[in-house]
Amino acid sequence: MTPAAVMELGHVPRDQAQDQHDTPLPTPPREKKAKTIKRLSYVLGFLYSSVLIILAAMLLVTTTLVNSKWSSIITIYITVSGFIILATLIVDVKLFTRRI
């Protein structure tokens, strides 16, 4: 049979049928946006925790070596910023659980 006759009968060659089933459907824009925001929040959370740990370690070393007024100001800044982020996360989780 010629390829044109095969196509008229509705028969799809085996290789072509497999190619059609192997290609995934395109991701909807809404799902892409949700995944992007989720990954961005993971990355930003990791960066924040890394910076916070590094600053705390630097403060600990600086406080032991030099006793100045700046070490207490930096300690207060790190503590207050940590509490603000923690409070924001708690409120966000509460709002999210109520919405569900």
PDB file of N, CA and C in Angstrom:
ATOM      1  N   MET A   1       0.838  -1.188   0.000  1.00  0.00           N
ATOM      2  CA  MET A   1       0.000   0.000   0.000  1.00  0.00           C
ATOM      3  C   MET A   1       0.875   1.241   0.000  1.00  0.00           C
ATOM      4  N   THR A   2       0.404   2.258  -0.645  1.00  0.00           N
ATOM      5  CA  THR A   2       1.143   3.506  -0.677  1.00  0.00           C
ATOM      6  C   THR A   2       0.847   4.298   0.595  1.00  0.00           C
ATOM      7  N   PRO A   3       1.757   5.200   1.002  1.00  0.00           N
ATOM      8  CA  PRO A   3       1.511   5.990   2.217  1.00  0.00           C
ATOM      9  C   PRO A   3       0.216   6.784   2.159  1.00  0.00           C
ATOM     10  N   ALA A   4      -0.154   7.263   0.980  1.00  0.00           N
ATOM     11  CA  ALA A   4      -1.406   8.029   0.862  1.00  0.00           C
ATOM     12  C   ALA A   4      -2.606   7.134   1.127  1.00  0.00           C
ATOM     13  N   ALA A   5      -2.561   5.899   0.654  1.00  0.00           N
ATOM     14  CA  ALA A   5      -3.675   4.974   0.870  1.00  0.00           C
ATOM     15  C   ALA A   5      -3.782   4.590   2.340  1.00  0.00           C
ATOM     16  N   VAL A   6      -2.632   4.435   2.987  1.00  0.00           N
ATOM     17  CA  VAL A   6      -2.635   4.097   4.410  1.00  0.00           C
ATOM     18  C   VAL A   6      -3.259   5.230   5.227  1.00  0.00           C
ATOM     19  N   MET A   7      -2.918   6.460   4.893  1.00  0.00           N
ATOM     20  CA  MET A   7      -3.456   7.611   5.619  1.00  0.00           C
ATOM     21  C   MET A   7      -4.957   7.748   5.388  1.00  0.00           C
ATOM     22  N   GLU A   8      -5.438   7.371   4.178  1.00  0.00           N
ATOM     23  CA  GLU A   8      -6.868   7.451   3.902  1.00  0.00           C
ATOM     24  C   GLU A   8      -7.645   6.464   4.731  1.00  0.00           C
ATOM     25  N   LEU A   9      -7.065   5.326   5.016  1.00  0.00           N
ATOM     26  CA  LEU A   9      -7.755   4.308   5.801  1.00  0.00           C
ATOM     27  C   LEU A   9      -7.777   4.641   7.295  1.00  0.00           C
ATOM     28  N   GLY A  10      -7.059   5.688   7.700  1.00  0.00           N
ATOM     29  CA  GLY A  10      -7.046   6.061   9.107  1.00  0.00           C
ATOM     30  C   GLY A  10      -5.957   5.371   9.891  1.00  0.00           C
ATOM     31  N   HIS A  11      -5.110   4.652   9.248  1.00  0.00           N
ATOM     32  CA  HIS A  11      -4.023   3.958   9.924  1.00  0.00           C
ATOM     33  C   HIS A  11      -2.846   4.911  10.088  1.00  0.00           C
ATOM     34  N   VAL A  12      -2.345   5.003  11.295  1.00  0.00           N
ATOM     35  CA  VAL A  12      -1.181   5.848  11.555  1.00  0.00           C
ATOM     36  C   VAL A  12       0.011   4.933  11.746  1.00  0.00           C
ATOM     37  N   PRO A  13       1.101   5.176  11.027  1.00  0.00           N
ATOM     38  CA  PRO A  13       2.291   4.330  11.203  1.00  0.00           C
ATOM     39  C   PRO A  13       2.764   4.318  12.658  1.00  0.00           C
ATOM     40  N   ARG A  14       3.366   3.215  13.054  1.00  0.00           N
ATOM     41  CA  ARG A  14       3.759   3.010  14.450  1.00  0.00           C
ATOM     42  C   ARG A  14       4.704   4.103  14.956  1.00  0.00           C
ATOM     43  N   ASP A  15       5.691   4.499  14.185  1.00  0.00           N
ATOM     44  CA  ASP A  15       6.641   5.523  14.618  1.00  0.00           C
ATOM     45  C   ASP A  15       5.945   6.859  14.851  1.00  0.00           C
ATOM     46  N   GLN A  16       5.030   7.207  13.978  1.00  0.00           N
ATOM     47  CA  GLN A  16       4.340   8.482  14.108  1.00  0.00           C
ATOM     48  C   GLN A  16       3.399   8.472  15.311  1.00  0.00           C
ATOM     49  N   ALA A  17       2.761   7.352  15.598  1.00  0.00           N
ATOM     50  CA  ALA A  17       1.861   7.261  16.749  1.00  0.00           C
ATOM     51  C   ALA A  17       2.638   7.404  18.049  1.00  0.00           C
ATOM     52  N   GLN A  18       3.810   6.800  18.136  1.00  0.00           N
ATOM     53  CA  GLN A  18       4.610   6.911  19.346  1.00  0.00           C
ATOM     54  C   GLN A  18       5.076   8.338  19.565  1.00  0.00           C
ATOM     55  N   ASP A  19       5.447   9.043  18.500  1.00  0.00           N
ATOM     56  CA  ASP A  19       5.886  10.429  18.629  1.00  0.00           C
ATOM     57  C   ASP A  19       4.773  11.317  19.158  1.00  0.00           C
ATOM     58  N   GLN A  20       3.554  11.061  18.752  1.00  0.00           N
ATOM     59  CA  GLN A  20       2.436  11.878  19.200  1.00  0.00           C
ATOM     60  C   GLN A  20       2.148  11.672  20.682  1.00  0.00           C
ATOM     61  N   HIS A  21       2.323  10.462  21.182  1.00  0.00           N
ATOM     62  CA  HIS A  21       2.030  10.174  22.587  1.00  0.00           C
ATOM     63  C   HIS A  21       3.175  10.557  23.517  1.00  0.00           C
ATOM     64  N   ASP A  22       4.396  10.669  22.995  1.00  0.00           N
ATOM     65  CA  ASP A  22       5.547  10.986  23.829  1.00  0.00           C
ATOM     66  C   ASP A  22       5.685  12.475  24.112  1.00  0.00           C
ATOM     67  N   THR A  23       5.119  13.313  23.284  1.00  0.00           N
ATOM     68  CA  THR A  23       5.252  14.751  23.495  1.00  0.00           C
ATOM     69  C   THR A  23       4.269  15.202  24.568  1.00  0.00           C
ATOM     70  N   PRO A  24       4.784  15.865  25.626  1.00  0.00           N
ATOM     71  CA  PRO A  24       3.885  16.325  26.690  1.00  0.00           C
ATOM     72  C   PRO A  24       3.081  17.537  26.244  1.00  0.00           C
ATOM     73  N   LEU A  25       1.953  17.726  26.895  1.00  0.00           N
ATOM     74  CA  LEU A  25       1.133  18.896  26.617  1.00  0.00           C
ATOM     75  C   LEU A  25       1.810  20.139  27.176  1.00  0.00           C
ATOM     76  N   PRO A  26       1.599  21.297  26.575  1.00  0.00           N
ATOM     77  CA  PRO A  26       2.213  22.518  27.101  1.00  0.00           C
ATOM     78  C   PRO A  26       1.639  22.872  28.480  1.00  0.00           C
ATOM     79  N   THR A  27       2.488  23.426  29.325  1.00  0.00           N
ATOM     80  CA  THR A  27       2.079  23.808  30.667  1.00  0.00           C
ATOM     81  C   THR A  27       1.267  25.100  30.606  1.00  0.00           C
ATOM     82  N   PRO A  28       0.127  25.142  31.300  1.00  0.00           N
ATOM     83  CA  PRO A  28      -0.673  26.373  31.298  1.00  0.00           C
ATOM     84  C   PRO A  28       0.077  27.522  31.978  1.00  0.00           C
ATOM     85  N   PRO A  29      -0.161  28.764  31.557  1.00  0.00           N
ATOM     86  CA  PRO A  29       0.550  29.916  32.137  1.00  0.00           C
ATOM     87  C   PRO A  29       0.331  30.058  33.639  1.00  0.00           C
ATOM     88  N   ARG A  30      -0.858  29.730  34.113  1.00  0.00           N
ATOM     89  CA  ARG A  30      -1.143  29.848  35.557  1.00  0.00           C
ATOM     90  C   ARG A  30      -0.265  28.902  36.371  1.00  0.00           C
ATOM     91  N   GLU A  31      -0.104  27.678  35.858  1.00  0.00           N
ATOM     92  CA  GLU A  31       0.737  26.696  36.550  1.00  0.00           C
ATOM     93  C   GLU A  31       2.206  27.110  36.510  1.00  0.00           C
ATOM     94  N   LYS A  32       2.637  27.674  35.378  1.00  0.00           N
ATOM     95  CA  LYS A  32       4.014  28.160  35.275  1.00  0.00           C
ATOM     96  C   LYS A  32       4.279  29.253  36.295  1.00  0.00           C
ATOM     97  N   LYS A  33       3.325  30.169  36.430  1.00  0.00           N
ATOM     98  CA  LYS A  33       3.482  31.271  37.374  1.00  0.00           C
ATOM     99  C   LYS A  33       3.548  30.753  38.811  1.00  0.00           C
ATOM    100  N   ALA A  34       2.691  29.786  39.141  1.00  0.00           N
ATOM    101  CA  ALA A  34       2.685  29.226  40.493  1.00  0.00           C
ATOM    102  C   ALA A  34       4.010  28.521  40.801  1.00  0.00           C
ATOM    103  N   LYS A  35       4.525  27.770  39.842  1.00  0.00           N
ATOM    104  CA  LYS A  35       5.796  27.076  40.056  1.00  0.00           C
ATOM    105  C   LYS A  35       6.947  28.070  40.191  1.00  0.00           C
ATOM    106  N   THR A  36       6.907  29.131  39.400  1.00  0.00           N
ATOM    107  CA  THR A  36       7.959  30.144  39.466  1.00  0.00           C
ATOM    108  C   THR A  36       7.960  30.827  40.825  1.00  0.00           C
ATOM    109  N   ILE A  37       6.789  31.185  41.318  1.00  0.00           N
ATOM    110  CA  ILE A  37       6.691  31.839  42.627  1.00  0.00           C
ATOM    111  C   ILE A  37       7.153  30.900  43.733  1.00  0.00           C
ATOM    112  N   LYS A  38       6.793  29.636  43.631  1.00  0.00           N
ATOM    113  CA  LYS A  38       7.208  28.662  44.649  1.00  0.00           C
ATOM    114  C   LYS A  38       8.735  28.513  44.663  1.00  0.00           C
ATOM    115  N   ARG A  39       9.325  28.382  43.489  1.00  0.00           N
ATOM    116  CA  ARG A  39      10.792  28.238  43.419  1.00  0.00           C
ATOM    117  C   ARG A  39      11.494  29.508  43.878  1.00  0.00           C
ATOM    118  N   LEU A  40      10.933  30.666  43.525  1.00  0.00           N
ATOM    119  CA  LEU A  40      11.518  31.937  43.945  1.00  0.00           C
ATOM    120  C   LEU A  40      11.474  32.081  45.457  1.00  0.00           C
ATOM    121  N   SER A  41      10.370  31.648  46.079  1.00  0.00           N
ATOM    122  CA  SER A  41      10.286  31.736  47.540  1.00  0.00           C
ATOM    123  C   SER A  41      11.304  30.813  48.209  1.00  0.00           C
ATOM    124  N   TYR A  42      11.535  29.630  47.627  1.00  0.00           N
ATOM    125  CA  TYR A  42      12.570  28.738  48.167  1.00  0.00           C
ATOM    126  C   TYR A  42      13.945  29.384  48.096  1.00  0.00           C
ATOM    127  N   VAL A  43      14.258  29.968  46.959  1.00  0.00           N
ATOM    128  CA  VAL A  43      15.576  30.573  46.765  1.00  0.00           C
ATOM    129  C   VAL A  43      15.752  31.773  47.699  1.00  0.00           C
ATOM    130  N   LEU A  44      14.737  32.634  47.774  1.00  0.00           N
ATOM    131  CA  LEU A  44      14.843  33.806  48.644  1.00  0.00           C
ATOM    132  C   LEU A  44      14.919  33.414  50.120  1.00  0.00           C
ATOM    133  N   GLY A  45      14.191  32.387  50.512  1.00  0.00           N
ATOM    134  CA  GLY A  45      14.274  31.902  51.885  1.00  0.00           C
ATOM    135  C   GLY A  45      15.652  31.367  52.214  1.00  0.00           C
ATOM    136  N   PHE A  46      16.230  30.628  51.275  1.00  0.00           N
ATOM    137  CA  PHE A  46      17.583  30.117  51.471  1.00  0.00           C
ATOM    138  C   PHE A  46      18.591  31.256  51.564  1.00  0.00           C
ATOM    139  N   LEU A  47      18.456  32.250  50.689  1.00  0.00           N
ATOM    140  CA  LEU A  47      19.365  33.394  50.739  1.00  0.00           C
ATOM    141  C   LEU A  47      19.240  34.155  52.054  1.00  0.00           C
ATOM    142  N   TYR A  48      18.009  34.371  52.497  1.00  0.00           N
ATOM    143  CA  TYR A  48      17.809  35.083  53.759  1.00  0.00           C
ATOM    144  C   TYR A  48      18.431  34.321  54.920  1.00  0.00           C
ATOM    145  N   SER A  49      18.199  33.017  54.979  1.00  0.00           N
ATOM    146  CA  SER A  49      18.754  32.245  56.096  1.00  0.00           C
ATOM    147  C   SER A  49      20.280  32.217  56.030  1.00  0.00           C
ATOM    148  N   SER A  50      20.833  32.141  54.834  1.00  0.00           N
ATOM    149  CA  SER A  50      22.295  32.147  54.691  1.00  0.00           C
ATOM    150  C   SER A  50      22.887  33.467  55.177  1.00  0.00           C
ATOM    151  N   VAL A  51      22.286  34.568  54.749  1.00  0.00           N
ATOM    152  CA  VAL A  51      22.781  35.880  55.168  1.00  0.00           C
ATOM    153  C   VAL A  51      22.629  36.054  56.668  1.00  0.00           C
ATOM    154  N   LEU A  52      21.518  35.612  57.222  1.00  0.00           N
ATOM    155  CA  LEU A  52      21.293  35.732  58.661  1.00  0.00           C
ATOM    156  C   LEU A  52      22.318  34.925  59.458  1.00  0.00           C
ATOM    157  N   ILE A  53      22.613  33.726  59.022  1.00  0.00           N
ATOM    158  CA  ILE A  53      23.599  32.890  59.720  1.00  0.00           C
ATOM    159  C   ILE A  53      24.989  33.502  59.616  1.00  0.00           C
ATOM    160  N   ILE A  54      25.339  33.990  58.429  1.00  0.00           N
ATOM    161  CA  ILE A  54      26.666  34.605  58.254  1.00  0.00           C
ATOM    162  C   ILE A  54      26.798  35.861  59.110  1.00  0.00           C
ATOM    163  N   LEU A  55      25.758  36.706  59.112  1.00  0.00           N
ATOM    164  CA  LEU A  55      25.807  37.910  59.946  1.00  0.00           C
ATOM    165  C   LEU A  55      25.897  37.571  61.433  1.00  0.00           C
ATOM    166  N   ALA A  56      25.152  36.562  61.850  1.00  0.00           N
ATOM    167  CA  ALA A  56      25.209  36.164  63.255  1.00  0.00           C
ATOM    168  C   ALA A  56      26.596  35.640  63.624  1.00  0.00           C
ATOM    169  N   ALA A  57      27.214  34.868  62.748  1.00  0.00           N
ATOM    170  CA  ALA A  57      28.565  34.356  63.014  1.00  0.00           C
ATOM    171  C   ALA A  57      29.573  35.501  63.060  1.00  0.00           C
ATOM    172  N   MET A  58      29.435  36.437  62.127  1.00  0.00           N
ATOM    173  CA  MET A  58      30.336  37.593  62.133  1.00  0.00           C
ATOM    174  C   MET A  58      30.154  38.414  63.409  1.00  0.00           C
ATOM    175  N   LEU A  59      28.925  38.577  63.829  1.00  0.00           N
ATOM    176  CA  LEU A  59      28.651  39.331  65.044  1.00  0.00           C
ATOM    177  C   LEU A  59      29.247  38.644  66.270  1.00  0.00           C
ATOM    178  N   LEU A  60      29.131  37.340  66.327  1.00  0.00           N
ATOM    179  CA  LEU A  60      29.687  36.595  67.454  1.00  0.00           C
ATOM    180  C   LEU A  60      31.197  36.762  67.524  1.00  0.00           C
ATOM    181  N   VAL A  61      31.862  36.657  66.389  1.00  0.00           N
ATOM    182  CA  VAL A  61      33.312  36.817  66.362  1.00  0.00           C
ATOM    183  C   VAL A  61      33.702  38.256  66.695  1.00  0.00           C
ATOM    184  N   THR A  62      32.975  39.222  66.123  1.00  0.00           N
ATOM    185  CA  THR A  62      33.288  40.631  66.362  1.00  0.00           C
ATOM    186  C   THR A  62      33.066  41.007  67.819  1.00  0.00           C
ATOM    187  N   THR A  63      31.990  40.493  68.417  1.00  0.00           N
ATOM    188  CA  THR A  63      31.692  40.819  69.807  1.00  0.00           C
ATOM    189  C   THR A  63      32.777  40.298  70.740  1.00  0.00           C
ATOM    190  N   THR A  64      33.295  39.127  70.451  1.00  0.00           N
ATOM    191  CA  THR A  64      34.330  38.581  71.325  1.00  0.00           C
ATOM    192  C   THR A  64      35.661  39.315  71.152  1.00  0.00           C
ATOM    193  N   LEU A  65      35.939  39.798  69.939  1.00  0.00           N
ATOM    194  CA  LEU A  65      37.215  40.474  69.706  1.00  0.00           C
ATOM    195  C   LEU A  65      37.171  41.955  70.089  1.00  0.00           C
ATOM    196  N   VAL A  66      36.098  42.632  69.736  1.00  0.00           N
ATOM    197  CA  VAL A  66      36.001  44.074  69.978  1.00  0.00           C
ATOM    198  C   VAL A  66      34.694  44.345  70.714  1.00  0.00           C
ATOM    199  N   ASN A  67      34.793  45.033  71.820  1.00  0.00           N
ATOM    200  CA  ASN A  67      33.587  45.368  72.584  1.00  0.00           C
ATOM    201  C   ASN A  67      33.230  46.815  72.259  1.00  0.00           C
ATOM    202  N   SER A  68      32.298  46.997  71.324  1.00  0.00           N
ATOM    203  CA  SER A  68      31.900  48.344  70.934  1.00  0.00           C
ATOM    204  C   SER A  68      30.382  48.460  70.924  1.00  0.00           C
ATOM    205  N   LYS A  69      29.913  49.701  70.736  1.00  0.00           N
ATOM    206  CA  LYS A  69      28.466  49.903  70.724  1.00  0.00           C
ATOM    207  C   LYS A  69      27.830  49.344  69.453  1.00  0.00           C
ATOM    208  N   TRP A  70      28.579  49.195  68.345  1.00  0.00           N
ATOM    209  CA  TRP A  70      28.030  48.691  67.093  1.00  0.00           C
ATOM    210  C   TRP A  70      27.618  47.230  67.195  1.00  0.00           C
ATOM    211  N   SER A  71      28.319  46.450  67.985  1.00  0.00           N
ATOM    212  CA  SER A  71      27.963  45.031  68.088  1.00  0.00           C
ATOM    213  C   SER A  71      26.573  44.855  68.691  1.00  0.00           C
ATOM    214  N   SER A  72      26.226  45.667  69.667  1.00  0.00           N
ATOM    215  CA  SER A  72      24.880  45.552  70.243  1.00  0.00           C
ATOM    216  C   SER A  72      23.816  46.046  69.265  1.00  0.00           C
ATOM    217  N   ILE A  73      24.136  47.072  68.476  1.00  0.00           N
ATOM    218  CA  ILE A  73      23.175  47.577  67.484  1.00  0.00           C
ATOM    219  C   ILE A  73      22.936  46.526  66.404  1.00  0.00           C
ATOM    220  N   ILE A  74      23.996  45.869  65.949  1.00  0.00           N
ATOM    221  CA  ILE A  74      23.848  44.824  64.932  1.00  0.00           C
ATOM    222  C   ILE A  74      23.055  43.650  65.491  1.00  0.00           C
ATOM    223  N   THR A  75      23.305  43.292  66.743  1.00  0.00           N
ATOM    224  CA  THR A  75      22.550  42.206  67.377  1.00  0.00           C
ATOM    225  C   THR A  75      21.068  42.538  67.422  1.00  0.00           C
ATOM    226  N   ILE A  76      20.742  43.751  67.804  1.00  0.00           N
ATOM    227  CA  ILE A  76      19.335  44.167  67.865  1.00  0.00           C
ATOM    228  C   ILE A  76      18.716  44.147  66.474  1.00  0.00           C
ATOM    229  N   TYR A  77      19.448  44.625  65.473  1.00  0.00           N
ATOM    230  CA  TYR A  77      18.940  44.637  64.098  1.00  0.00           C
ATOM    231  C   TYR A  77      18.644  43.218  63.614  1.00  0.00           C
ATOM    232  N   ILE A  78      19.569  42.297  63.826  1.00  0.00           N
ATOM    233  CA  ILE A  78      19.368  40.915  63.385  1.00  0.00           C
ATOM    234  C   ILE A  78      18.182  40.287  64.111  1.00  0.00           C
ATOM    235  N   THR A  79      18.067  40.532  65.402  1.00  0.00           N
ATOM    236  CA  THR A  79      16.966  39.963  66.174  1.00  0.00           C
ATOM    237  C   THR A  79      15.619  40.522  65.713  1.00  0.00           C
ATOM    238  N   VAL A  80      15.528  41.827  65.550  1.00  0.00           N
ATOM    239  CA  VAL A  80      14.265  42.448  65.136  1.00  0.00           C
ATOM    240  C   VAL A  80      13.881  42.009  63.719  1.00  0.00           C
ATOM    241  N   SER A  81      14.840  41.984  62.804  1.00  0.00           N
ATOM    242  CA  SER A  81      14.512  41.553  61.440  1.00  0.00           C
ATOM    243  C   SER A  81      14.084  40.083  61.421  1.00  0.00           C
ATOM    244  N   GLY A  82      14.693  39.254  62.222  1.00  0.00           N
ATOM    245  CA  GLY A  82      14.279  37.850  62.323  1.00  0.00           C
ATOM    246  C   GLY A  82      12.867  37.714  62.854  1.00  0.00           C
ATOM    247  N   PHE A  83      12.513  38.496  63.877  1.00  0.00           N
ATOM    248  CA  PHE A  83      11.155  38.457  64.423  1.00  0.00           C
ATOM    249  C   PHE A  83      10.129  38.962  63.406  1.00  0.00           C
ATOM    250  N   ILE A  84      10.482  39.980  62.648  1.00  0.00           N
ATOM    251  CA  ILE A  84       9.552  40.512  61.641  1.00  0.00           C
ATOM    252  C   ILE A  84       9.291  39.463  60.557  1.00  0.00           C
ATOM    253  N   ILE A  85      10.335  38.827  60.080  1.00  0.00           N
ATOM    254  CA  ILE A  85      10.160  37.782  59.065  1.00  0.00           C
ATOM    255  C   ILE A  85       9.361  36.616  59.632  1.00  0.00           C
ATOM    256  N   LEU A  86       9.650  36.218  60.847  1.00  0.00           N
ATOM    257  CA  LEU A  86       8.923  35.113  61.472  1.00  0.00           C
ATOM    258  C   LEU A  86       7.446  35.453  61.650  1.00  0.00           C
ATOM    259  N   ALA A  87       7.144  36.662  62.110  1.00  0.00           N
ATOM    260  CA  ALA A  87       5.750  37.076  62.275  1.00  0.00           C
ATOM    261  C   ALA A  87       5.027  37.121  60.930  1.00  0.00           C
ATOM    262  N   THR A  88       5.703  37.598  59.897  1.00  0.00           N
ATOM    263  CA  THR A  88       5.105  37.635  58.558  1.00  0.00           C
ATOM    264  C   THR A  88       4.792  36.231  58.063  1.00  0.00           C
ATOM    265  N   LEU A  89       5.702  35.301  58.272  1.00  0.00           N
ATOM    266  CA  LEU A  89       5.458  33.926  57.856  1.00  0.00           C
ATOM    267  C   LEU A  89       4.309  33.291  58.627  1.00  0.00           C
ATOM    268  N   ILE A  90       4.222  33.552  59.917  1.00  0.00           N
ATOM    269  CA  ILE A  90       3.139  32.991  60.725  1.00  0.00           C
ATOM    270  C   ILE A  90       1.792  33.510  60.235  1.00  0.00           C
ATOM    271  N   VAL A  91       1.701  34.817  59.989  1.00  0.00           N
ATOM    272  CA  VAL A  91       0.447  35.399  59.500  1.00  0.00           C
ATOM    273  C   VAL A  91       0.112  34.834  58.119  1.00  0.00           C
ATOM    274  N   ASP A  92       1.101  34.705  57.244  1.00  0.00           N
ATOM    275  CA  ASP A  92       0.865  34.176  55.912  1.00  0.00           C
ATOM    276  C   ASP A  92       0.363  32.732  55.964  1.00  0.00           C
ATOM    277  N   VAL A  93       0.952  31.915  56.813  1.00  0.00           N
ATOM    278  CA  VAL A  93       0.520  30.519  56.933  1.00  0.00           C
ATOM    279  C   VAL A  93      -0.900  30.451  57.492  1.00  0.00           C
ATOM    280  N   LYS A  94      -1.214  31.285  58.483  1.00  0.00           N
ATOM    281  CA  LYS A  94      -2.577  31.293  59.047  1.00  0.00           C
ATOM    282  C   LYS A  94      -3.601  31.683  57.981  1.00  0.00           C
ATOM    283  N   LEU A  95      -3.309  32.721  57.201  1.00  0.00           N
ATOM    284  CA  LEU A  95      -4.231  33.138  56.142  1.00  0.00           C
ATOM    285  C   LEU A  95      -4.386  32.048  55.080  1.00  0.00           C
ATOM    286  N   PHE A  96      -3.311  31.383  54.754  1.00  0.00           N
ATOM    287  CA  PHE A  96      -3.354  30.320  53.764  1.00  0.00           C
ATOM    288  C   PHE A  96      -4.197  29.147  54.258  1.00  0.00           C
ATOM    289  N   THR A  97      -4.029  28.758  55.523  1.00  0.00           N
ATOM    290  CA  THR A  97      -4.809  27.620  56.054  1.00  0.00           C
ATOM    291  C   THR A  97      -6.292  27.978  56.156  1.00  0.00           C
ATOM    292  N   ARG A  98      -6.612  29.220  56.456  1.00  0.00           N
ATOM    293  CA  ARG A  98      -8.031  29.616  56.486  1.00  0.00           C
ATOM    294  C   ARG A  98      -8.638  29.592  55.102  1.00  0.00           C
ATOM    295  N   ARG A  99      -7.854  29.974  54.085  1.00  0.00           N
ATOM    296  CA  ARG A  99      -8.355  29.988  52.714  1.00  0.00           C
ATOM    297  C   ARG A  99      -8.632  28.573  52.215  1.00  0.00           C
ATOM    298  N   ILE A 100      -7.821  27.618  52.660  1.00  0.00           N
ATOM    299  CA  ILE A 100      -8.024  26.223  52.246  1.00  0.00           C
ATOM    300  C   ILE A 100      -9.274  25.699  52.899  1.00  0.00           C
TER     301      ILE A 100
END
